[in-house]
Amino acid sequence: MRLECHNLNFTYPGNTTAVINNLSFSMKNPGFKALFGPSGVGKTSLAKMIASSKFRGSKDIAIENMDTILYSYNLERLPGWSSTGNHLNKVTSSEKQSVKEQLIEIFELKDVLGSRFSQLSMGQQNRINLIRYLLQDFDLLIMDESLANVDEKLRETIILAIKELFSDKMFLYISHNLMEVSKFCSQILVFRKSLENKNSFVIKGQDCKKGYLLDKKQLDITMLEIMNAF
């Protein structure tokens, strides 16, 4: 698995200011990777470009051994006329029934399966939506603030479980939580505050997994490297 960008540029139609300017980076192998930086520097724009078949295969974006790319995002809505349990059943194949039950338990959603999506809290909605994507076939899943409004302890439990259950998949994780991306991601693309994205670069994260023994000193070093990148 490999994801690369080579001098990528992007400007929205009708605008004169580039959202992404001369961006180059390389990420490879399964696991959690991250896009990190302040709002407005192009993280979501880049994620949508990677997910779009319009841009994949171009000279600017190279993707290897990843045929199916899915994009999930914070506060994605589902129709309110059906229960959340029915929404999950619709996307679950027979061979993934046991995975669905595991995820429901891990994500602490068993008690809301009979409720409509609109009746859930924002954190519950995001968790239901993320499960929908995890139950589909994919090689790369982009998680754009997909665990927003979920408390820190449960968020950690979910990330560690995903890393264990889907160890052969790549995840591109977008979050504003510095400690979280430093702790759980193996590669972190740091976007600078300026529009000169060509100076953005990939930092090695701690890539903590289930049963990990966290080296707090190394975690502090990683967070400092990320902050210095700004």
Protein backbone atom coordinates (compact mmCIF):
# COMPACT_ATOMS: atom_id res chain seq x y z
CA MET A 1 0.00 0.00 0.00
CA ARG A 2 1.28 3.42 -0.96
CA LEU A 3 -0.14 6.94 -1.12
CA GLU A 4 1.92 9.73 -2.64
CA CYS A 5 1.46 13.29 -3.84
CA HIS A 6 3.92 15.01 -6.17
CA ASN A 7 3.86 18.82 -6.29
CA LEU A 8 0.08 18.79 -5.92
CA ASN A 9 -1.75 22.07 -6.50
CA PHE A 10 -5.44 22.83 -6.13
CA THR A 11 -7.56 25.96 -6.34
CA TYR A 12 -11.36 25.94 -6.12
CA PRO A 13 -13.13 27.17 -9.26
CA GLY A 14 -13.77 30.90 -9.09
CA ASN A 15 -11.04 31.49 -6.49
CA THR A 16 -7.56 32.88 -7.01
CA THR A 17 -5.93 31.62 -3.82
CA ALA A 18 -4.58 28.06 -3.85
CA VAL A 19 -5.84 25.75 -1.13
CA ILE A 20 -3.02 23.30 -1.78
CA ASN A 21 0.28 24.51 -3.18
CA ASN A 22 3.16 22.26 -4.32
CA LEU A 23 2.36 19.54 -1.78
CA SER A 24 4.53 16.42 -1.85
CA PHE A 25 4.57 13.50 0.58
CA SER A 26 4.66 9.71 0.73
CA MET A 27 2.86 7.27 3.05
CA LYS A 28 2.97 3.50 2.84
CA ASN A 29 1.81 0.28 4.53
CA PRO A 30 -1.43 -0.42 6.44
CA GLY A 31 -2.28 1.37 9.67
CA PHE A 32 -3.24 4.82 10.90
CA LYS A 33 -1.77 7.85 9.13
CA ALA A 34 -2.77 11.43 9.93
CA LEU A 35 -3.35 14.82 8.36
CA PHE A 36 -2.73 17.45 11.01
CA GLY A 37 -2.84 21.22 11.01
CA PRO A 38 -5.03 24.26 11.72
CA SER A 39 -8.35 24.83 10.00
CA GLY A 40 -8.25 26.14 6.46
CA VAL A 41 -4.91 24.70 5.34
CA GLY A 42 -6.37 22.10 2.98
CA LYS A 43 -6.69 18.86 4.98
CA THR A 44 -10.29 18.17 3.95
CA SER A 45 -9.65 19.35 0.39
CA LEU A 46 -6.76 16.90 0.10
CA ALA A 47 -8.84 14.08 1.61
CA LYS A 48 -11.65 14.64 -0.88
CA MET A 49 -9.19 14.69 -3.78
CA ILE A 50 -7.69 11.37 -2.67
CA ALA A 51 -11.18 9.86 -2.38
CA SER A 52 -12.33 11.17 -5.76
CA SER A 53 -11.83 9.00 -8.84
CA LYS A 54 -11.44 12.26 -10.78
CA PHE A 55 -8.04 12.91 -9.20
CA ARG A 56 -6.78 9.40 -8.51
CA GLY A 57 -4.39 8.08 -11.11
CA SER A 58 -3.21 11.54 -12.10
CA LYS A 59 0.47 12.42 -12.14
CA ASP A 60 -0.04 14.40 -8.92
CA ILE A 61 -1.66 11.67 -6.78
CA ALA A 62 -0.24 8.14 -6.88
CA ILE A 63 -2.10 5.29 -5.16
CA GLU A 64 -0.77 1.75 -5.15
CA ASN A 65 -2.56 -1.47 -4.08
CA MET A 66 -5.65 0.39 -2.88
CA ASP A 67 -8.64 0.02 -5.19
CA THR A 68 -11.47 1.09 -2.88
CA ILE A 69 -11.19 4.38 -0.98
CA LEU A 70 -13.99 5.61 1.29
CA TYR A 71 -14.43 9.02 2.89
CA SER A 72 -16.30 9.51 6.18
CA TYR A 73 -16.75 12.86 7.88
CA ASN A 74 -18.04 14.56 10.99
CA LEU A 75 -21.83 15.06 11.20
CA GLU A 76 -22.63 13.11 8.06
CA ARG A 77 -26.41 12.69 8.05
CA LEU A 78 -28.51 9.56 7.57
CA PRO A 79 -32.25 9.46 6.75
CA GLY A 80 -34.34 9.79 9.89
CA TRP A 81 -37.16 7.48 8.85
CA SER A 82 -35.34 4.26 9.77
CA SER A 83 -33.73 2.97 12.94
CA THR A 84 -29.95 3.00 13.28
CA GLY A 85 -30.03 -0.79 13.53
CA ASN A 86 -31.71 -0.98 10.12
CA HIS A 87 -29.13 1.36 8.63
CA LEU A 88 -26.35 -0.97 9.77
CA ASN A 89 -28.17 -4.09 8.60
CA LYS A 90 -28.47 -2.67 5.08
CA VAL A 91 -24.70 -2.41 4.64
CA THR A 92 -23.74 -5.62 6.44
CA SER A 93 -23.08 -8.73 4.39
CA SER A 94 -23.65 -12.16 5.93
CA GLU A 95 -19.94 -12.77 6.44
CA LYS A 96 -19.57 -9.53 8.38
CA GLN A 97 -22.35 -10.06 10.90
CA SER A 98 -19.94 -10.98 13.69
CA VAL A 99 -17.78 -7.92 12.95
CA LYS A 100 -20.89 -5.75 13.15
CA GLU A 101 -21.77 -7.14 16.57
CA GLN A 102 -18.21 -6.56 17.77
CA LEU A 103 -18.19 -2.97 16.58
CA ILE A 104 -21.57 -2.19 18.13
CA GLU A 105 -20.27 -3.48 21.47
CA ILE A 106 -16.94 -1.66 21.25
CA PHE A 107 -18.55 1.60 20.10
CA GLU A 108 -21.11 1.35 22.98
CA LEU A 109 -24.15 1.65 20.72
CA LYS A 110 -26.20 -1.42 21.62
CA ASP A 111 -28.83 0.61 23.44
CA VAL A 112 -29.57 2.98 20.53
CA LEU A 113 -30.11 0.51 17.68
CA GLY A 114 -33.88 0.96 17.90
CA SER A 115 -33.64 4.76 17.77
CA ARG A 116 -33.77 6.93 14.70
CA PHE A 117 -30.54 8.62 13.64
CA SER A 118 -31.99 12.06 14.38
CA GLN A 119 -32.65 11.05 18.00
CA LEU A 120 -28.97 10.35 18.72
CA SER A 121 -26.37 12.70 20.16
CA MET A 122 -23.71 14.02 17.77
CA GLY A 123 -21.16 11.58 19.16
CA GLN A 124 -23.53 8.64 18.72
CA GLN A 125 -24.33 9.73 15.18
CA ASN A 126 -20.65 9.86 14.28
CA ARG A 127 -20.05 6.41 15.77
CA ILE A 128 -22.97 4.84 13.89
CA ASN A 129 -21.79 6.44 10.68
CA LEU A 130 -18.22 5.21 11.17
CA ILE A 131 -19.43 1.64 11.74
CA ARG A 132 -21.32 1.85 8.42
CA TYR A 133 -18.07 2.54 6.62
CA LEU A 134 -16.07 -0.09 8.50
CA LEU A 135 -18.60 -2.75 7.45
CA GLN A 136 -18.05 -1.99 3.77
CA ASP A 137 -15.21 -3.29 1.61
CA PHE A 138 -12.35 -0.80 1.50
CA ASP A 139 -8.59 -0.54 1.28
CA LEU A 140 -8.27 3.02 2.54
CA LEU A 141 -10.77 4.73 4.84
CA ILE A 142 -10.43 8.47 5.33
CA MET A 143 -11.75 9.55 8.74
CA ASP A 144 -12.33 13.31 8.64
CA GLU A 145 -13.10 14.18 12.27
CA SER A 146 -15.16 10.98 12.30
CA LEU A 147 -14.84 10.60 16.08
CA ALA A 148 -15.65 14.21 16.96
CA ASN A 149 -17.94 14.64 19.99
CA VAL A 150 -16.84 11.26 21.39
CA ASP A 151 -15.22 11.31 24.82
CA GLU A 152 -11.46 10.73 24.96
CA LYS A 153 -11.50 7.34 26.70
CA LEU A 154 -14.02 5.81 24.29
CA ARG A 155 -12.24 7.37 21.32
CA GLU A 156 -9.02 5.65 22.36
CA THR A 157 -10.83 2.32 22.79
CA ILE A 158 -12.34 2.65 19.31
CA ILE A 159 -9.05 3.57 17.60
CA LEU A 160 -7.18 0.68 19.20
CA ALA A 161 -9.96 -1.75 18.24
CA ILE A 162 -10.00 -0.55 14.64
CA LYS A 163 -6.23 -0.96 14.41
CA GLU A 164 -6.55 -4.54 15.67
CA LEU A 165 -9.61 -5.61 13.65
CA PHE A 166 -8.53 -3.97 10.38
CA SER A 167 -4.77 -4.37 10.56
CA ASP A 168 -4.51 -4.92 6.79
CA LYS A 169 -6.21 -1.60 5.91
CA MET A 170 -4.90 1.94 5.68
CA PHE A 171 -6.62 4.79 7.53
CA LEU A 172 -6.11 8.48 6.93
CA TYR A 173 -7.11 10.17 10.18
CA ILE A 174 -7.91 13.89 10.33
CA SER A 175 -8.04 15.34 13.83
CA HIS A 176 -7.11 18.52 15.71
CA ASN A 177 -6.02 16.45 18.72
CA LEU A 178 -2.22 16.72 18.84
CA MET A 179 -1.70 14.01 21.43
CA GLU A 180 -4.04 11.61 19.67
CA VAL A 181 -2.38 11.74 16.26
CA SER A 182 1.08 11.60 17.88
CA LYS A 183 0.12 8.58 19.96
CA PHE A 184 -1.81 6.39 17.50
CA CYS A 185 -0.56 7.24 14.02
CA SER A 186 2.59 5.94 12.39
CA GLN A 187 2.97 8.81 9.92
CA ILE A 188 1.67 12.36 10.36
CA LEU A 189 1.53 14.85 7.51
CA VAL A 190 1.82 18.25 9.15
CA PHE A 191 0.34 21.19 7.25
CA ARG A 192 2.01 24.50 7.88
CA LYS A 193 -0.04 27.59 8.64
CA SER A 194 1.20 29.29 5.49
CA LEU A 195 -0.10 28.38 2.05
CA GLU A 196 3.33 27.11 1.10
CA ASN A 197 2.35 23.47 1.56
CA LYS A 198 5.54 22.43 -0.19
CA ASN A 199 7.18 22.82 3.24
CA SER A 200 4.79 20.36 4.86
CA PHE A 201 6.37 17.05 5.77
CA VAL A 202 5.70 13.67 7.35
CA ILE A 203 6.66 13.04 10.98
CA LYS A 204 6.96 9.60 12.52
CA GLY A 205 4.32 8.94 15.21
CA GLN A 206 4.28 6.46 18.09
CA ASP A 207 1.79 4.09 16.39
CA CYS A 208 0.50 2.69 19.71
CA LYS A 209 -1.53 -0.51 19.50
CA LYS A 210 -3.63 -2.55 21.92
CA GLY A 211 -1.58 -3.58 24.93
CA TYR A 212 1.00 -0.88 24.18
CA LEU A 213 3.44 0.49 26.73
CA LEU A 214 3.54 4.21 26.03
CA ASP A 215 6.92 5.93 26.09
CA LYS A 216 5.88 9.35 27.37
CA LYS A 217 9.27 10.87 26.60
CA GLN A 218 9.06 9.82 22.95
CA LEU A 219 5.45 11.01 22.77
CA ASP A 220 6.52 14.44 24.00
CA ILE A 221 9.27 14.52 21.36
CA THR A 222 6.78 13.68 18.61
CA MET A 223 4.36 16.40 19.75
CA LEU A 224 7.22 18.91 19.90
CA GLU A 225 8.31 17.99 16.36
CA ILE A 226 4.78 18.57 15.11
CA MET A 227 4.47 21.94 16.85
CA ASN A 228 7.86 23.04 15.53
CA ALA A 229 6.66 22.18 12.02
CA PHE A 230 4.21 25.07 12.20
